Amino acid sequence: MASDPNKCLRCGAELSSMGVEKFRVGGTSGGWDLLLGQMAELGEGLLALEVLACQTCRKVEMRVPTNN
């Protein structure tokens, strides 16, 4: 069963794109940031995701952006 990717999974209303945001992933967490400073961020990367919002139920969804 295929569903419309532009419809909300919860209520079925149309989703509005809020743009593409880059999220930080990887690296270290916790007390290592205090000990290593910016060295702790060497393993971090950025993950681009398109953020979509439902204007009816106000839920947010994310998906991999298309390469247009």
PDB file of N, CA and C in Angstrom:
ATOM      1  N   MET A   1       0.840  -1.177   0.000  1.00  0.00           N
ATOM      2  CA  MET A   1       0.000   0.000   0.000  1.00  0.00           C
ATOM      3  C   MET A   1       0.882   1.235   0.000  1.00  0.00           C
ATOM      4  N   ALA A   2       0.863   1.987  -1.076  1.00  0.00           N
ATOM      5  CA  ALA A   2       1.644   3.218  -1.164  1.00  0.00           C
ATOM      6  C   ALA A   2       0.801   4.391  -0.697  1.00  0.00           C
ATOM      7  N   SER A   3       1.426   5.266   0.070  1.00  0.00           N
ATOM      8  CA  SER A   3       0.717   6.454   0.531  1.00  0.00           C
ATOM      9  C   SER A   3       1.345   7.687  -0.111  1.00  0.00           C
ATOM     10  N   ASP A   4       0.609   8.771  -0.132  1.00  0.00           N
ATOM     11  CA  ASP A   4       1.087  10.023  -0.711  1.00  0.00           C
ATOM     12  C   ASP A   4       2.145  10.616   0.220  1.00  0.00           C
ATOM     13  N   PRO A   5       3.377  10.817  -0.258  1.00  0.00           N
ATOM     14  CA  PRO A   5       4.434  11.345   0.609  1.00  0.00           C
ATOM     15  C   PRO A   5       4.224  12.800   1.022  1.00  0.00           C
ATOM     16  N   ASN A   6       3.277  13.480   0.395  1.00  0.00           N
ATOM     17  CA  ASN A   6       3.005  14.876   0.744  1.00  0.00           C
ATOM     18  C   ASN A   6       1.795  15.027   1.656  1.00  0.00           C
ATOM     19  N   LYS A   7       1.316  13.902   2.190  1.00  0.00           N
ATOM     20  CA  LYS A   7       0.179  13.911   3.123  1.00  0.00           C
ATOM     21  C   LYS A   7       0.674  13.526   4.510  1.00  0.00           C
ATOM     22  N   CYS A   8       0.063  14.091   5.528  1.00  0.00           N
ATOM     23  CA  CYS A   8       0.401  13.783   6.916  1.00  0.00           C
ATOM     24  C   CYS A   8       0.075  12.326   7.213  1.00  0.00           C
ATOM     25  N   LEU A   9       1.002  11.639   7.882  1.00  0.00           N
ATOM     26  CA  LEU A   9       0.784  10.237   8.237  1.00  0.00           C
ATOM     27  C   LEU A   9      -0.300  10.079   9.292  1.00  0.00           C
ATOM     28  N   ARG A  10      -0.586  11.121  10.054  1.00  0.00           N
ATOM     29  CA  ARG A  10      -1.534  11.026  11.149  1.00  0.00           C
ATOM     30  C   ARG A  10      -2.959  11.400  10.744  1.00  0.00           C
ATOM     31  N   CYS A  11      -3.113  12.575  10.108  1.00  0.00           N
ATOM     32  CA  CYS A  11      -4.463  13.054   9.812  1.00  0.00           C
ATOM     33  C   CYS A  11      -4.791  13.101   8.321  1.00  0.00           C
ATOM     34  N   GLY A  12      -3.785  12.937   7.451  1.00  0.00           N
ATOM     35  CA  GLY A  12      -4.027  12.921   6.013  1.00  0.00           C
ATOM     36  C   GLY A  12      -4.056  14.283   5.343  1.00  0.00           C
ATOM     37  N   ALA A  13      -3.819  15.362   6.108  1.00  0.00           N
ATOM     38  CA  ALA A  13      -3.806  16.709   5.526  1.00  0.00           C
ATOM     39  C   ALA A  13      -2.508  16.930   4.742  1.00  0.00           C
ATOM     40  N   GLU A  14      -2.481  17.959   3.937  1.00  0.00           N
ATOM     41  CA  GLU A  14      -1.314  18.290   3.130  1.00  0.00           C
ATOM     42  C   GLU A  14      -0.173  18.797   4.020  1.00  0.00           C
ATOM     43  N   LEU A  15       1.061  18.345   3.738  1.00  0.00           N
ATOM     44  CA  LEU A  15       2.233  18.798   4.481  1.00  0.00           C
ATOM     45  C   LEU A  15       2.844  20.017   3.815  1.00  0.00           C
ATOM     46  N   SER A  16       3.367  20.938   4.624  1.00  0.00           N
ATOM     47  CA  SER A  16       4.052  22.121   4.122  1.00  0.00           C
ATOM     48  C   SER A  16       5.541  21.980   4.404  1.00  0.00           C
ATOM     49  N   SER A  17       6.363  22.179   3.377  1.00  0.00           N
ATOM     50  CA  SER A  17       7.802  22.093   3.561  1.00  0.00           C
ATOM     51  C   SER A  17       8.300  23.324   4.307  1.00  0.00           C
ATOM     52  N   MET A  18       9.098  23.081   5.342  1.00  0.00           N
ATOM     53  CA  MET A  18       9.695  24.161   6.127  1.00  0.00           C
ATOM     54  C   MET A  18      11.142  24.391   5.699  1.00  0.00           C
ATOM     55  N   GLY A  19      11.572  23.677   4.650  1.00  0.00           N
ATOM     56  CA  GLY A  19      12.933  23.816   4.155  1.00  0.00           C
ATOM     57  C   GLY A  19      13.810  22.654   4.581  1.00  0.00           C
ATOM     58  N   VAL A  20      15.074  22.739   4.216  1.00  0.00           N
ATOM     59  CA  VAL A  20      16.053  21.701   4.547  1.00  0.00           C
ATOM     60  C   VAL A  20      16.910  22.212   5.695  1.00  0.00           C
ATOM     61  N   GLU A  21      17.014  21.420   6.740  1.00  0.00           N
ATOM     62  CA  GLU A  21      17.840  21.751   7.902  1.00  0.00           C
ATOM     63  C   GLU A  21      18.970  20.743   7.995  1.00  0.00           C
ATOM     64  N   LYS A  22      20.114  21.195   8.503  1.00  0.00           N
ATOM     65  CA  LYS A  22      21.261  20.311   8.689  1.00  0.00           C
ATOM     66  C   LYS A  22      21.400  20.004  10.168  1.00  0.00           C
ATOM     67  N   PHE A  23      21.400  18.707  10.500  1.00  0.00           N
ATOM     68  CA  PHE A  23      21.495  18.242  11.876  1.00  0.00           C
ATOM     69  C   PHE A  23      22.888  17.676  12.118  1.00  0.00           C
ATOM     70  N   ARG A  24      23.456  17.998  13.271  1.00  0.00           N
ATOM     71  CA  ARG A  24      24.773  17.492  13.640  1.00  0.00           C
ATOM     72  C   ARG A  24      24.639  16.056  14.142  1.00  0.00           C
ATOM     73  N   VAL A  25      25.482  15.178  13.613  1.00  0.00           N
ATOM     74  CA  VAL A  25      25.470  13.769  14.024  1.00  0.00           C
ATOM     75  C   VAL A  25      26.903  13.318  14.280  1.00  0.00           C
ATOM     76  N   GLY A  26      27.050  12.310  15.120  1.00  0.00           N
ATOM     77  CA  GLY A  26      28.368  11.764  15.410  1.00  0.00           C
ATOM     78  C   GLY A  26      29.084  12.552  16.490  1.00  0.00           C
ATOM     79  N   GLY A  27      30.386  12.476  16.500  1.00  0.00           N
ATOM     80  CA  GLY A  27      31.177  13.167  17.503  1.00  0.00           C
ATOM     81  C   GLY A  27      31.081  12.492  18.862  1.00  0.00           C
ATOM     82  N   THR A  28      31.384  13.205  19.902  1.00  0.00           N
ATOM     83  CA  THR A  28      31.332  12.667  21.260  1.00  0.00           C
ATOM     84  C   THR A  28      30.273  13.411  22.050  1.00  0.00           C
ATOM     85  N   SER A  29      29.934  12.854  23.188  1.00  0.00           N
ATOM     86  CA  SER A  29      28.934  13.497  24.035  1.00  0.00           C
ATOM     87  C   SER A  29      29.362  13.406  25.490  1.00  0.00           C
ATOM     88  N   GLY A  30      28.609  14.051  26.332  1.00  0.00           N
ATOM     89  CA  GLY A  30      28.877  13.992  27.762  1.00  0.00           C
ATOM     90  C   GLY A  30      30.091  14.802  28.160  1.00  0.00           C
ATOM     91  N   GLY A  31      30.848  14.282  29.124  1.00  0.00           N
ATOM     92  CA  GLY A  31      31.996  14.990  29.683  1.00  0.00           C
ATOM     93  C   GLY A  31      33.179  15.120  28.753  1.00  0.00           C
ATOM     94  N   TRP A  32      33.182  14.343  27.662  1.00  0.00           N
ATOM     95  CA  TRP A  32      34.304  14.440  26.728  1.00  0.00           C
ATOM     96  C   TRP A  32      34.408  15.823  26.116  1.00  0.00           C
ATOM     97  N   ASP A  33      33.297  16.505  25.944  1.00  0.00           N
ATOM     98  CA  ASP A  33      33.339  17.869  25.403  1.00  0.00           C
ATOM     99  C   ASP A  33      34.142  18.785  26.320  1.00  0.00           C
ATOM    100  N   LEU A  34      34.002  18.589  27.623  1.00  0.00           N
ATOM    101  CA  LEU A  34      34.740  19.422  28.574  1.00  0.00           C
ATOM    102  C   LEU A  34      36.237  19.137  28.526  1.00  0.00           C
ATOM    103  N   LEU A  35      36.588  17.871  28.361  1.00  0.00           N
ATOM    104  CA  LEU A  35      37.996  17.492  28.356  1.00  0.00           C
ATOM    105  C   LEU A  35      38.686  17.795  27.033  1.00  0.00           C
ATOM    106  N   LEU A  36      38.000  17.538  25.934  1.00  0.00           N
ATOM    107  CA  LEU A  36      38.630  17.649  24.621  1.00  0.00           C
ATOM    108  C   LEU A  36      38.324  18.947  23.887  1.00  0.00           C
ATOM    109  N   GLY A  37      37.327  19.684  24.317  1.00  0.00           N
ATOM    110  CA  GLY A  37      36.964  20.934  23.636  1.00  0.00           C
ATOM    111  C   GLY A  37      36.542  20.673  22.208  1.00  0.00           C
ATOM    112  N   GLN A  38      37.091  21.460  21.289  1.00  0.00           N
ATOM    113  CA  GLN A  38      36.702  21.319  19.886  1.00  0.00           C
ATOM    114  C   GLN A  38      37.231  20.033  19.257  1.00  0.00           C
ATOM    115  N   MET A  39      38.209  19.405  19.870  1.00  0.00           N
ATOM    116  CA  MET A  39      38.691  18.116  19.357  1.00  0.00           C
ATOM    117  C   MET A  39      37.581  17.073  19.407  1.00  0.00           C
ATOM    118  N   ALA A  40      36.629  17.215  20.332  1.00  0.00           N
ATOM    119  CA  ALA A  40      35.526  16.271  20.455  1.00  0.00           C
ATOM    120  C   ALA A  40      34.592  16.335  19.256  1.00  0.00           C
ATOM    121  N   GLU A  41      34.648  17.425  18.490  1.00  0.00           N
ATOM    122  CA  GLU A  41      33.758  17.612  17.345  1.00  0.00           C
ATOM    123  C   GLU A  41      34.340  17.089  16.041  1.00  0.00           C
ATOM    124  N   LEU A  42      35.530  16.512  16.080  1.00  0.00           N
ATOM    125  CA  LEU A  42      36.164  16.054  14.842  1.00  0.00           C
ATOM    126  C   LEU A  42      35.382  14.964  14.138  1.00  0.00           C
ATOM    127  N   GLY A  43      34.705  14.098  14.885  1.00  0.00           N
ATOM    128  CA  GLY A  43      33.955  13.012  14.268  1.00  0.00           C
ATOM    129  C   GLY A  43      32.548  13.391  13.863  1.00  0.00           C
ATOM    130  N   GLU A  44      32.182  14.651  14.019  1.00  0.00           N
ATOM    131  CA  GLU A  44      30.815  15.065  13.686  1.00  0.00           C
ATOM    132  C   GLU A  44      30.629  15.278  12.199  1.00  0.00           C
ATOM    133  N   GLY A  45      29.420  15.082  11.779  1.00  0.00           N
ATOM    134  CA  GLY A  45      29.056  15.350  10.402  1.00  0.00           C
ATOM    135  C   GLY A  45      27.707  16.052  10.372  1.00  0.00           C
ATOM    136  N   LEU A  46      27.272  16.444   9.193  1.00  0.00           N
ATOM    137  CA  LEU A  46      25.973  17.093   9.035  1.00  0.00           C
ATOM    138  C   LEU A  46      25.065  16.198   8.206  1.00  0.00           C
ATOM    139  N   LEU A  47      23.843  16.050   8.651  1.00  0.00           N
ATOM    140  CA  LEU A  47      22.841  15.262   7.945  1.00  0.00           C
ATOM    141  C   LEU A  47      21.726  16.211   7.517  1.00  0.00           C
ATOM    142  N   ALA A  48      21.544  16.365   6.216  1.00  0.00           N
ATOM    143  CA  ALA A  48      20.501  17.248   5.689  1.00  0.00           C
ATOM    144  C   ALA A  48      19.174  16.504   5.630  1.00  0.00           C
ATOM    145  N   LEU A  49      18.136  17.099   6.220  1.00  0.00           N
ATOM    146  CA  LEU A  49      16.793  16.531   6.190  1.00  0.00           C
ATOM    147  C   LEU A  49      15.790  17.628   5.860  1.00  0.00           C
ATOM    148  N   GLU A  50      14.807  17.285   5.029  1.00  0.00           N
ATOM    149  CA  GLU A  50      13.719  18.213   4.743  1.00  0.00           C
ATOM    150  C   GLU A  50      12.697  18.113   5.879  1.00  0.00           C
ATOM    151  N   VAL A  51      12.326  19.259   6.425  1.00  0.00           N
ATOM    152  CA  VAL A  51      11.367  19.304   7.526  1.00  0.00           C
ATOM    153  C   VAL A  51      10.005  19.676   6.953  1.00  0.00           C
ATOM    154  N   LEU A  52       8.987  18.862   7.264  1.00  0.00           N
ATOM    155  CA  LEU A  52       7.627  19.097   6.786  1.00  0.00           C
ATOM    156  C   LEU A  52       6.698  19.239   7.988  1.00  0.00           C
ATOM    157  N   ALA A  53       5.773  20.177   7.916  1.00  0.00           N
ATOM    158  CA  ALA A  53       4.846  20.409   9.019  1.00  0.00           C
ATOM    159  C   ALA A  53       3.410  20.274   8.533  1.00  0.00           C
ATOM    160  N   CYS A  54       2.578  19.717   9.394  1.00  0.00           N
ATOM    161  CA  CYS A  54       1.150  19.609   9.119  1.00  0.00           C
ATOM    162  C   CYS A  54       0.460  20.796   9.778  1.00  0.00           C
ATOM    163  N   GLN A  55      -0.264  21.576   8.998  1.00  0.00           N
ATOM    164  CA  GLN A  55      -0.944  22.750   9.530  1.00  0.00           C
ATOM    165  C   GLN A  55      -2.216  22.375  10.291  1.00  0.00           C
ATOM    166  N   THR A  56      -2.691  21.136  10.110  1.00  0.00           N
ATOM    167  CA  THR A  56      -3.920  20.699  10.774  1.00  0.00           C
ATOM    168  C   THR A  56      -3.641  20.151  12.172  1.00  0.00           C
ATOM    169  N   CYS A  57      -2.780  19.124  12.268  1.00  0.00           N
ATOM    170  CA  CYS A  57      -2.512  18.509  13.582  1.00  0.00           C
ATOM    171  C   CYS A  57      -1.201  18.983  14.201  1.00  0.00           C
ATOM    172  N   ARG A  58      -0.450  19.819  13.484  1.00  0.00           N
ATOM    173  CA  ARG A  58       0.774  20.459  13.978  1.00  0.00           C
ATOM    174  C   ARG A  58       1.910  19.489  14.274  1.00  0.00           C
ATOM    175  N   LYS A  59       1.907  18.333  13.630  1.00  0.00           N
ATOM    176  CA  LYS A  59       3.004  17.378  13.767  1.00  0.00           C
ATOM    177  C   LYS A  59       4.076  17.691  12.730  1.00  0.00           C
ATOM    178  N   VAL A  60       5.304  17.288  13.026  1.00  0.00           N
ATOM    179  CA  VAL A  60       6.437  17.533  12.138  1.00  0.00           C
ATOM    180  C   VAL A  60       6.994  16.195  11.674  1.00  0.00           C
ATOM    181  N   GLU A  61       7.347  16.130  10.403  1.00  0.00           N
ATOM    182  CA  GLU A  61       7.970  14.946   9.834  1.00  0.00           C
ATOM    183  C   GLU A  61       9.249  15.373   9.136  1.00  0.00           C
ATOM    184  N   MET A  62      10.167  14.425   8.974  1.00  0.00           N
ATOM    185  CA  MET A  62      11.414  14.693   8.262  1.00  0.00           C
ATOM    186  C   MET A  62      11.628  13.614   7.218  1.00  0.00           C
ATOM    187  N   ARG A  63      12.273  14.002   6.119  1.00  0.00           N
ATOM    188  CA  ARG A  63      12.617  13.042   5.081  1.00  0.00           C
ATOM    189  C   ARG A  63      13.897  13.501   4.389  1.00  0.00           C
ATOM    190  N   VAL A  64      14.513  12.566   3.686  1.00  0.00           N
ATOM    191  CA  VAL A  64      15.721  12.883   2.935  1.00  0.00           C
ATOM    192  C   VAL A  64      15.325  13.820   1.800  1.00  0.00           C
ATOM    193  N   PRO A  65      16.021  14.945   1.632  1.00  0.00           N
ATOM    194  CA  PRO A  65      15.647  15.872   0.562  1.00  0.00           C
ATOM    195  C   PRO A  65      15.959  15.306  -0.821  1.00  0.00           C
ATOM    196  N   THR A  66      15.187  15.741  -1.803  1.00  0.00           N
ATOM    197  CA  THR A  66      15.442  15.332  -3.181  1.00  0.00           C
ATOM    198  C   THR A  66      16.609  16.152  -3.724  1.00  0.00           C
ATOM    199  N   ASN A  67      17.326  15.607  -4.679  1.00  0.00           N
ATOM    200  CA  ASN A  67      18.455  16.292  -5.287  1.00  0.00           C
ATOM    201  C   ASN A  67      18.020  16.955  -6.580  1.00  0.00           C
ATOM    202  N   ASN A  68      17.387  18.113  -6.465  1.00  0.00           N
ATOM    203  CA  ASN A  68      16.911  18.841  -7.660  1.00  0.00           C
ATOM    204  C   ASN A  68      17.851  19.951  -8.001  1.00  0.00           C
TER     205      ASN A  68
END
